[in-house]
C-alpha atoms as a PDB file:
ATOM      1  CA  MET A   1      -0.283  -0.228   0.045  1.00  0.00           C
ATOM      2  CA  GLY A   2       1.926   2.684   1.312  1.00  0.00           C
ATOM      3  CA  ALA A   3       6.235   3.027   2.148  1.00  0.00           C
ATOM      4  CA  ALA A   4       7.458   0.081   4.192  1.00  0.00           C
ATOM      5  CA  ASN A   5       9.503   0.699   7.450  1.00  0.00           C
ATOM      6  CA  TRP A   6      12.642  -0.587   7.077  1.00  0.00           C
ATOM      7  CA  GLU A   7      14.183   0.929   9.854  1.00  0.00           C
ATOM      8  CA  ILE A   8      11.610  -1.166  12.449  1.00  0.00           C
ATOM      9  CA  ILE A   9      12.768  -4.256  10.392  1.00  0.00           C
ATOM     10  CA  ARG A  10      17.124  -3.086  11.071  1.00  0.00           C
ATOM     11  CA  LYS A  11      15.593  -3.028  14.743  1.00  0.00           C
ATOM     12  CA  VAL A  12      14.250  -6.645  14.671  1.00  0.00           C
ATOM     13  CA  LYS A  13      17.485  -7.560  12.829  1.00  0.00           C
ATOM     14  CA  GLN A  14      19.920  -6.040  15.746  1.00  0.00           C
ATOM     15  CA  ALA A  15      17.705  -7.624  18.249  1.00  0.00           C
ATOM     16  CA  LEU A  16      17.655 -11.225  17.220  1.00  0.00           C
ATOM     17  CA  SER A  17      20.191 -13.690  16.539  1.00  0.00           C
ATOM     18  CA  ILE A  18      17.901 -15.878  14.098  1.00  0.00           C
ATOM     19  CA  PRO A  19      18.237 -15.073  10.610  1.00  0.00           C
ATOM     20  CA  VAL A  20      15.656 -12.567   9.833  1.00  0.00           C
ATOM     21  CA  ILE A  21      14.333 -12.200   6.144  1.00  0.00           C
ATOM     22  CA  VAL A  22      13.808  -8.559   5.202  1.00  0.00           C
ATOM     23  CA  ASN A  23       9.830  -7.903   3.201  1.00  0.00           C
ATOM     24  CA  GLY A  24       8.372  -4.699   2.071  1.00  0.00           C
ATOM     25  CA  GLY A  25       9.280  -2.473  -0.654  1.00  0.00           C
ATOM     26  CA  MET A  26      10.840  -4.808  -2.910  1.00  0.00           C
ATOM     27  CA  SER A  27       9.698  -3.301  -6.356  1.00  0.00           C
ATOM     28  CA  THR A  28      13.372  -3.456  -8.468  1.00  0.00           C
ATOM     29  CA  TYR A  29      16.521  -5.404  -7.858  1.00  0.00           C
ATOM     30  CA  THR A  30      17.840  -2.260  -6.437  1.00  0.00           C
ATOM     31  CA  ASP A  31      15.495  -2.126  -4.192  1.00  0.00           C
ATOM     32  CA  CYS A  32      16.320  -5.378  -2.570  1.00  0.00           C
ATOM     33  CA  LEU A  33      19.789  -5.064  -2.568  1.00  0.00           C
ATOM     34  CA  LYS A  34      19.469  -1.609  -0.547  1.00  0.00           C
ATOM     35  CA  ALA A  35      17.610  -3.869   1.947  1.00  0.00           C
ATOM     36  CA  LEU A  36      19.798  -6.037   2.819  1.00  0.00           C
ATOM     37  CA  GLU A  37      22.416  -3.658   3.070  1.00  0.00           C
ATOM     38  CA  TYR A  38      20.167  -0.948   5.194  1.00  0.00           C
ATOM     39  CA  THR A  39      18.534  -3.916   7.606  1.00  0.00           C
ATOM     40  CA  GLY A  40      21.737  -5.966   7.362  1.00  0.00           C
ATOM     41  CA  CYS A  41      19.000  -9.156   7.133  1.00  0.00           C
ATOM     42  CA  ASP A  42      20.093 -12.559   5.849  1.00  0.00           C
ATOM     43  CA  GLY A  43      17.286 -12.924   2.999  1.00  0.00           C
ATOM     44  CA  VAL A  44      15.641 -10.721   1.221  1.00  0.00           C
ATOM     45  CA  MET A  45      11.741 -11.546   0.370  1.00  0.00           C
ATOM     46  CA  SER A  46       9.136 -10.737  -2.017  1.00  0.00           C
ATOM     47  CA  SER A  47       5.552 -10.918  -1.879  1.00  0.00           C
ATOM     48  CA  GLU A  48       3.594  -8.225  -4.170  1.00  0.00           C
ATOM     49  CA  SER A  49       5.861  -7.223  -6.899  1.00  0.00           C
ATOM     50  CA  ILE A  50       7.053 -10.673  -7.461  1.00  0.00           C
ATOM     51  CA  LEU A  51       3.580 -11.759  -8.412  1.00  0.00           C
ATOM     52  CA  GLU A  52       3.490  -9.263 -11.321  1.00  0.00           C
ATOM     53  CA  TYR A  53       7.005  -9.846 -12.292  1.00  0.00           C
ATOM     54  CA  PRO A  54       8.841 -13.251 -11.014  1.00  0.00           C
ATOM     55  CA  ALA A  55      12.236 -12.066 -12.976  1.00  0.00           C
ATOM     56  CA  LEU A  56      12.483  -9.951  -9.877  1.00  0.00           C
ATOM     57  CA  PHE A  57      15.722 -11.485  -8.467  1.00  0.00           C
ATOM     58  CA  ASP A  58      17.617 -11.578 -12.091  1.00  0.00           C
ATOM     59  CA  ASN A  59      19.410  -7.880 -12.642  1.00  0.00           C
ATOM     60  CA  SER A  60      20.814  -9.238 -16.029  1.00  0.00           C
ATOM     61  CA  ARG A  61      17.932  -7.367 -17.427  1.00  0.00           C
ATOM     62  CA  ILE A  62      14.270  -6.085 -17.451  1.00  0.00           C
ATOM     63  CA  TYR A  63      12.178  -8.696 -18.745  1.00  0.00           C
ATOM     64  CA  ASP A  64       8.891  -8.230 -20.857  1.00  0.00           C
ATOM     65  CA  LEU A  65       5.613  -9.537 -19.066  1.00  0.00           C
ATOM     66  CA  ASP A  66       4.021 -10.416 -22.672  1.00  0.00           C
ATOM     67  CA  HIS A  67       7.024 -12.604 -22.827  1.00  0.00           C
ATOM     68  CA  LEU A  68       6.487 -14.281 -19.133  1.00  0.00           C
ATOM     69  CA  ALA A  69       2.971 -14.353 -19.619  1.00  0.00           C
ATOM     70  CA  MET A  70       3.036 -16.996 -22.449  1.00  0.00           C
ATOM     71  CA  GLU A  71       6.129 -18.782 -20.727  1.00  0.00           C
ATOM     72  CA  TYR A  72       4.263 -18.942 -17.837  1.00  0.00           C
ATOM     73  CA  LEU A  73       1.237 -20.229 -19.732  1.00  0.00           C
ATOM     74  CA  GLU A  74       3.434 -23.328 -21.599  1.00  0.00           C
ATOM     75  CA  MET A  75       4.486 -23.721 -18.026  1.00  0.00           C
ATOM     76  CA  VAL A  76       1.016 -24.584 -17.130  1.00  0.00           C
ATOM     77  CA  ASP A  77       0.975 -26.975 -19.867  1.00  0.00           C
ATOM     78  CA  SER A  78       4.072 -28.694 -19.055  1.00  0.00           C
ATOM     79  CA  TYR A  79       2.650 -29.150 -15.345  1.00  0.00           C
ATOM     80  CA  PRO A  80      -0.994 -30.072 -15.046  1.00  0.00           C
ATOM     81  CA  GLY A  81      -2.356 -29.871 -12.122  1.00  0.00           C
ATOM     82  CA  GLU A  82       0.004 -27.611 -10.574  1.00  0.00           C
ATOM     83  CA  ALA A  83      -2.649 -24.491 -10.767  1.00  0.00           C
ATOM     84  CA  ASP A  84      -6.672 -24.481 -11.816  1.00  0.00           C
ATOM     85  CA  LEU A  85      -7.663 -22.074 -14.341  1.00  0.00           C
ATOM     86  CA  LYS A  86      -9.054 -19.785 -11.678  1.00  0.00           C
ATOM     87  CA  ASN A  87      -4.890 -18.943 -10.529  1.00  0.00           C
ATOM     88  CA  VAL A  88      -4.055 -18.900 -13.836  1.00  0.00           C
ATOM     89  CA  ARG A  89      -6.481 -16.042 -14.274  1.00  0.00           C
ATOM     90  CA  SER A  90      -5.310 -14.726 -11.520  1.00  0.00           C
ATOM     91  CA  HIS A  91      -2.134 -14.194 -12.378  1.00  0.00           C
ATOM     92  CA  MET A  92      -2.536 -13.576 -15.675  1.00  0.00           C
ATOM     93  CA  HIS A  93      -4.256 -10.320 -14.309  1.00  0.00           C
ATOM     94  CA  LYS A  94      -1.324  -8.861 -12.318  1.00  0.00           C
ATOM     95  CA  PHE A  95       1.215 -10.208 -14.982  1.00  0.00           C
ATOM     96  CA  LEU A  96      -0.661  -7.546 -17.975  1.00  0.00           C
ATOM     97  CA  TYR A  97      -2.400  -5.514 -15.626  1.00  0.00           C
ATOM     98  CA  THR A  98      -0.763  -2.276 -17.145  1.00  0.00           C
ATOM     99  CA  GLY A  99      -2.244  -3.817 -21.012  1.00  0.00           C
ATOM    100  CA  LEU A 100      -5.246  -4.648 -19.224  1.00  0.00           C
ATOM    101  CA  LYS A 101      -5.842  -0.791 -17.810  1.00  0.00           C
ATOM    102  CA  ILE A 102      -6.370  -0.214 -21.794  1.00  0.00           C
ATOM    103  CA  HIS A 103      -7.379  -2.532 -23.649  1.00  0.00           C
ATOM    104  CA  THR A 104     -10.654  -3.308 -21.563  1.00  0.00           C
ATOM    105  CA  ASP A 105     -11.686  -6.002 -24.173  1.00  0.00           C
ATOM    106  CA  LEU A 106      -9.141  -7.812 -23.417  1.00  0.00           C
ATOM    107  CA  ARG A 107      -9.383  -7.417 -19.986  1.00  0.00           C
ATOM    108  CA  ASP A 108     -12.956  -8.799 -19.966  1.00  0.00           C
ATOM    109  CA  LYS A 109     -11.869 -11.555 -22.319  1.00  0.00           C
ATOM    110  CA  LEU A 110      -9.535 -13.229 -20.090  1.00  0.00           C
ATOM    111  CA  SER A 111     -11.920 -12.697 -16.717  1.00  0.00           C
ATOM    112  CA  ASP A 112     -14.470 -14.962 -19.154  1.00  0.00           C
ATOM    113  CA  SER A 113     -12.151 -17.390 -20.421  1.00  0.00           C
ATOM    114  CA  LYS A 114     -12.970 -20.583 -19.681  1.00  0.00           C
ATOM    115  CA  SER A 115     -10.142 -21.985 -20.892  1.00  0.00           C
ATOM    116  CA  LEU A 116      -6.433 -21.961 -21.331  1.00  0.00           C
ATOM    117  CA  ASP A 117      -6.223 -21.389 -25.445  1.00  0.00           C
ATOM    118  CA  THR A 118      -8.491 -18.558 -24.808  1.00  0.00           C
ATOM    119  CA  ILE A 119      -6.165 -17.187 -22.105  1.00  0.00           C
ATOM    120  CA  LYS A 120      -3.481 -17.574 -24.463  1.00  0.00           C
ATOM    121  CA  GLU A 121      -4.947 -15.815 -27.360  1.00  0.00           C
ATOM    122  CA  VAL A 122      -5.466 -13.002 -24.953  1.00  0.00           C
ATOM    123  CA  VAL A 123      -1.769 -12.822 -24.039  1.00  0.00           C
ATOM    124  CA  ARG A 124      -1.006 -13.140 -27.771  1.00  0.00           C
ATOM    125  CA  GLU A 125      -3.184 -10.195 -28.899  1.00  0.00           C
ATOM    126  CA  ILE A 126      -1.705  -7.802 -25.841  1.00  0.00           C
ATOM    127  CA  THR A 127       1.498  -8.472 -27.173  1.00  0.00           C
ATOM    128  CA  LEU A 128       0.830  -7.499 -30.584  1.00  0.00           C
ATOM    129  CA  ARG A 129      -0.935  -4.267 -29.308  1.00  0.00           C
ATOM    130  CA  ARG A 130       2.091  -3.300 -27.135  1.00  0.00           C
ATOM    131  CA  ASN A 131       4.718  -4.352 -29.505  1.00  0.00           C
ATOM    132  CA  GLY A 132       6.984  -1.205 -29.288  1.00  0.00           C
ATOM    133  CA  ILE A 133       6.415  -0.177 -25.625  1.00  0.00           C
ATOM    134  CA  PRO A 134       9.585  -0.458 -23.443  1.00  0.00           C
ATOM    135  CA  PRO A 135       9.246  -3.453 -20.698  1.00  0.00           C
ATOM    136  CA  GLU A 136       9.654  -1.412 -17.782  1.00  0.00           C
ATOM    137  CA  LYS A 137       6.995   0.214 -19.022  1.00  0.00           C
ATOM    138  CA  LYS A 138       4.862  -2.710 -18.543  1.00  0.00           C
ATOM    139  CA  ILE A 139       5.576  -2.687 -14.613  1.00  0.00           C
ATOM    140  CA  GLY A 140       3.085  -1.376 -12.531  1.00  0.00           C
ATOM    141  CA  TRP A 141       0.399  -3.493 -10.801  1.00  0.00           C
ATOM    142  CA  TYR A 142       2.536  -3.065  -7.409  1.00  0.00           C
ATOM    143  CA  TYR A 143       1.772   0.509  -7.404  1.00  0.00           C
ATOM    144  CA  ARG A 144      -1.774   0.035  -8.287  1.00  0.00           C
ATOM    145  CA  TYR A 145      -3.548   2.064  -4.849  1.00  0.00           C
ATOM    146  CA  TRP A 146      -0.218   4.752  -5.346  1.00  0.00           C
ATOM    147  CA  ASN A 147      -3.401   7.422  -7.107  1.00  0.00           C
ATOM    148  CA  SER A 148      -5.680   6.609  -4.433  1.00  0.00           C
ATOM    149  CA  MET A 149      -3.444   7.421  -1.802  1.00  0.00           C
ATOM    150  CA  SER A 150      -1.720  10.746  -3.765  1.00  0.00           C
ATOM    151  CA  LEU A 151       1.890   8.538  -4.132  1.00  0.00           C
ATOM    152  CA  GLU A 152       3.533   8.845  -7.442  1.00  0.00           C
ATOM    153  CA  LYS A 153       5.911   6.445  -8.851  1.00  0.00           C
ATOM    154  CA  GLY A 154       9.572   7.348  -9.083  1.00  0.00           C
ATOM    155  CA  THR A 155       8.586  10.251  -7.122  1.00  0.00           C
ATOM    156  CA  HIS A 156       7.289   8.737  -3.919  1.00  0.00           C
ATOM    157  CA  PRO A 157       9.698   5.540  -2.057  1.00  0.00           C
ATOM    158  CA  THR A 158       8.629   1.924  -1.700  1.00  0.00           C
ATOM    159  CA  PHE A 159      10.689   2.446   1.624  1.00  0.00           C
ATOM    160  CA  VAL A 160      11.730   4.714   4.403  1.00  0.00           C
ATOM    161  CA  PHE A 161      13.590   5.118   7.165  1.00  0.00           C
ATOM    162  CA  THR A 162      11.491   6.843   9.735  1.00  0.00           C
ATOM    163  CA  ASP A 163      10.983   5.970  13.295  1.00  0.00           C
ATOM    164  CA  TRP A 164       8.315   3.297  13.514  1.00  0.00           C
ATOM    165  CA  ASN A 165       5.828   5.248  16.018  1.00  0.00           C
ATOM    166  CA  THR A 166       6.425   8.346  14.110  1.00  0.00           C
ATOM    167  CA  GLN A 167       5.647   7.018  11.088  1.00  0.00           C
ATOM    168  CA  ILE A 168       2.290   5.494  12.356  1.00  0.00           C
ATOM    169  CA  LYS A 169       1.398   9.668  13.795  1.00  0.00           C
ATOM    170  CA  GLU A 170       2.588  10.356  10.712  1.00  0.00           C
ATOM    171  CA  ILE A 171       0.055   7.951   8.403  1.00  0.00           C
ATOM    172  CA  PRO A 172      -2.084   6.147  10.446  1.00  0.00           C
ATOM    173  CA  VAL A 173      -3.534   4.433   7.624  1.00  0.00           C
ATOM    174  CA  LEU A 174      -0.231   2.655   7.474  1.00  0.00           C
ATOM    175  CA  ASN A 175      -1.394   0.912  10.722  1.00  0.00           C
ATOM    176  CA  LYS A 176      -4.500  -1.411   9.812  1.00  0.00           C
ATOM    177  CA  LYS A 177      -4.643  -2.264  13.240  1.00  0.00           C
ATOM    178  CA  SER A 178      -4.961   0.711  15.574  1.00  0.00           C
ATOM    179  CA  LYS A 179      -8.066   1.000  13.421  1.00  0.00           C
ATOM    180  CA  SER A 180      -9.522  -1.744  14.858  1.00  0.00           C
ATOM    181  CA  LYS A 181     -11.206  -1.528  17.883  1.00  0.00           C
ATOM    182  CA  ASP A 182     -11.383  -5.202  18.828  1.00  0.00           C
ATOM    183  CA  ASN A 183      -7.447  -6.210  17.710  1.00  0.00           C
ATOM    184  CA  THR A 184      -5.970  -2.818  19.415  1.00  0.00           C
ATOM    185  CA  LYS A 185      -6.418   0.155  21.308  1.00  0.00           C
ATOM    186  CA  LYS A 186      -3.771   2.982  21.116  1.00  0.00           C
ATOM    187  CA  LEU A 187      -3.397   4.615  24.367  1.00  0.00           C
ATOM    188  CA  GLY A 188      -1.085   8.061  23.684  1.00  0.00           C
ATOM    189  CA  ASP A 189       2.223   6.740  22.459  1.00  0.00           C
ATOM    190  CA  THR A 190       1.248   3.328  23.542  1.00  0.00           C
ATOM    191  CA  VAL A 191       0.295   0.302  21.479  1.00  0.00           C
ATOM    192  CA  VAL A 192      -1.608  -2.301  23.146  1.00  0.00           C
ATOM    193  CA  ASN A 193      -2.442  -5.685  20.740  1.00  0.00           C
ATOM    194  CA  ASP A 194      -4.107  -8.749  21.277  1.00  0.00           C
ATOM    195  CA  CYS A 195      -1.382 -11.411  20.991  1.00  0.00           C
ATOM    196  CA  ALA A 196       0.455 -13.300  23.650  1.00  0.00           C
ATOM    197  CA  LEU A 197       1.689 -10.499  25.860  1.00  0.00           C
ATOM    198  CA  ALA A 198      -0.606  -7.711  25.261  1.00  0.00           C
ATOM    199  CA  ASN A 199      -3.235  -9.562  26.594  1.00  0.00           C
ATOM    200  CA  GLY A 200      -1.788  -9.838  30.266  1.00  0.00           C
ATOM    201  CA  ALA A 201      -2.217  -6.056  30.001  1.00  0.00           C
ATOM    202  CA  LEU A 202       1.655  -5.210  29.506  1.00  0.00           C
ATOM    203  CA  GLU A 203       1.856  -1.978  27.528  1.00  0.00           C
ATOM    204  CA  MET A 204       4.906  -0.667  25.670  1.00  0.00           C
ATOM    205  CA  ASP A 205       6.049   1.271  22.486  1.00  0.00           C
ATOM    206  CA  LEU A 206       7.416  -1.539  19.906  1.00  0.00           C
ATOM    207  CA  GLY A 207      11.092   0.863  20.334  1.00  0.00           C
ATOM    208  CA  GLY A 208      11.054  -0.372  23.785  1.00  0.00           C
ATOM    209  CA  PHE A 209      10.519  -3.716  23.643  1.00  0.00           C
ATOM    210  CA  LEU A 210      13.565  -3.807  20.617  1.00  0.00           C
ATOM    211  CA  ASP A 211      15.542  -1.737  23.132  1.00  0.00           C
ATOM    212  CA  GLY A 212      15.084  -4.127  25.240  1.00  0.00           C
ATOM    213  CA  ASN A 213      13.106  -2.021  28.222  1.00  0.00           C
ATOM    214  CA  VAL A 214      10.707  -4.765  29.304  1.00  0.00           C
ATOM    215  CA  ASP A 215      10.337  -6.358  32.658  1.00  0.00           C
ATOM    216  CA  GLU A 216      11.066  -9.920  31.954  1.00  0.00           C
ATOM    217  CA  GLU A 217       9.348 -10.747  34.830  1.00  0.00           C
ATOM    218  CA  GLU A 218       6.076  -8.999  33.695  1.00  0.00           C
ATOM    219  CA  CYS A 219       6.663 -10.522  30.525  1.00  0.00           C
ATOM    220  CA  LYS A 220       6.714 -14.425  32.087  1.00  0.00           C
ATOM    221  CA  GLN A 221       3.429 -13.487  34.029  1.00  0.00           C
ATOM    222  CA  CYS A 222       1.502 -12.677  30.560  1.00  0.00           C
ATOM    223  CA  VAL A 223       2.281 -16.201  28.981  1.00  0.00           C
ATOM    224  CA  ASP A 224       1.865 -17.968  31.674  1.00  0.00           C
ATOM    225  CA  LYS A 225      -1.946 -15.994  32.047  1.00  0.00           C
ATOM    226  CA  ASN A 226      -2.465 -16.518  28.398  1.00  0.00           C
ATOM    227  CA  ALA A 227      -1.308 -20.161  28.232  1.00  0.00           C
ATOM    228  CA  ASN A 228      -3.470 -21.538  31.314  1.00  0.00           C
END
C-alpha cells in the first residue's frame, strides 16, 4: 500500500540472533540490495512485486511481461494440475495489469475465459498491441493503489527509514491494527495488541521492546496467563 518501514526491520534484526528475512518495498532488484545493506538482514523476500514480475531477482535485464506471461502459460501446460484456471487468470491479471487497464476488451475476455487456449489468445493479442512498448513501462501492478494515496511512481519511495512510532502518527492508515477496536487500542504513544503478551495488559511501545526496556518477569506472567 504505502512505503515499507525498513528502520523497524533493522531494529528487529539487531535484537535477534536468528536469521531474519526483510520484506516490503521491494519494487526493483536495486531495492532488494538496498534493503539487505540497510537492515543487515540475511535474505530478501518479495510478495507483491514478484507476483507481477517473477524475474525480480534476475538483474541481467528487464524482462518483457508479455513474454513472461506466455512462458508461464507454457509451464502450466507442461505441469498439469499445478495451477487451476482460476489461479492462472489471477496471475495473468497481474502480469498484464498495465495493458489490461487500456485494452479493456482483453481484460473482459480474460475474466470470462474458460480455457487455457482462450487465455493464450489474450496474451498473444496484447503482445501484438503492446509491441514497441519498453519492458519497464509494462510494470505497474505493484503501484495500483498509489493514485488513491496521492503517491507517484518514481517520485515517492517504496520504503522509508523513519522511526516506526513516528510513521504511525504521521500516516495512521498504514497501521491497520490501530483502526480495529477489536484487536488494538492506542493509548497515547503506546499500542496494546491482542497478542500473547498484550493480553496480560502489558503496555509498551515497539521501540522500547526492541531496546530491551521490558520487565522480564512481567512478560513471563503475561505468557503464563495466556497459557492457562
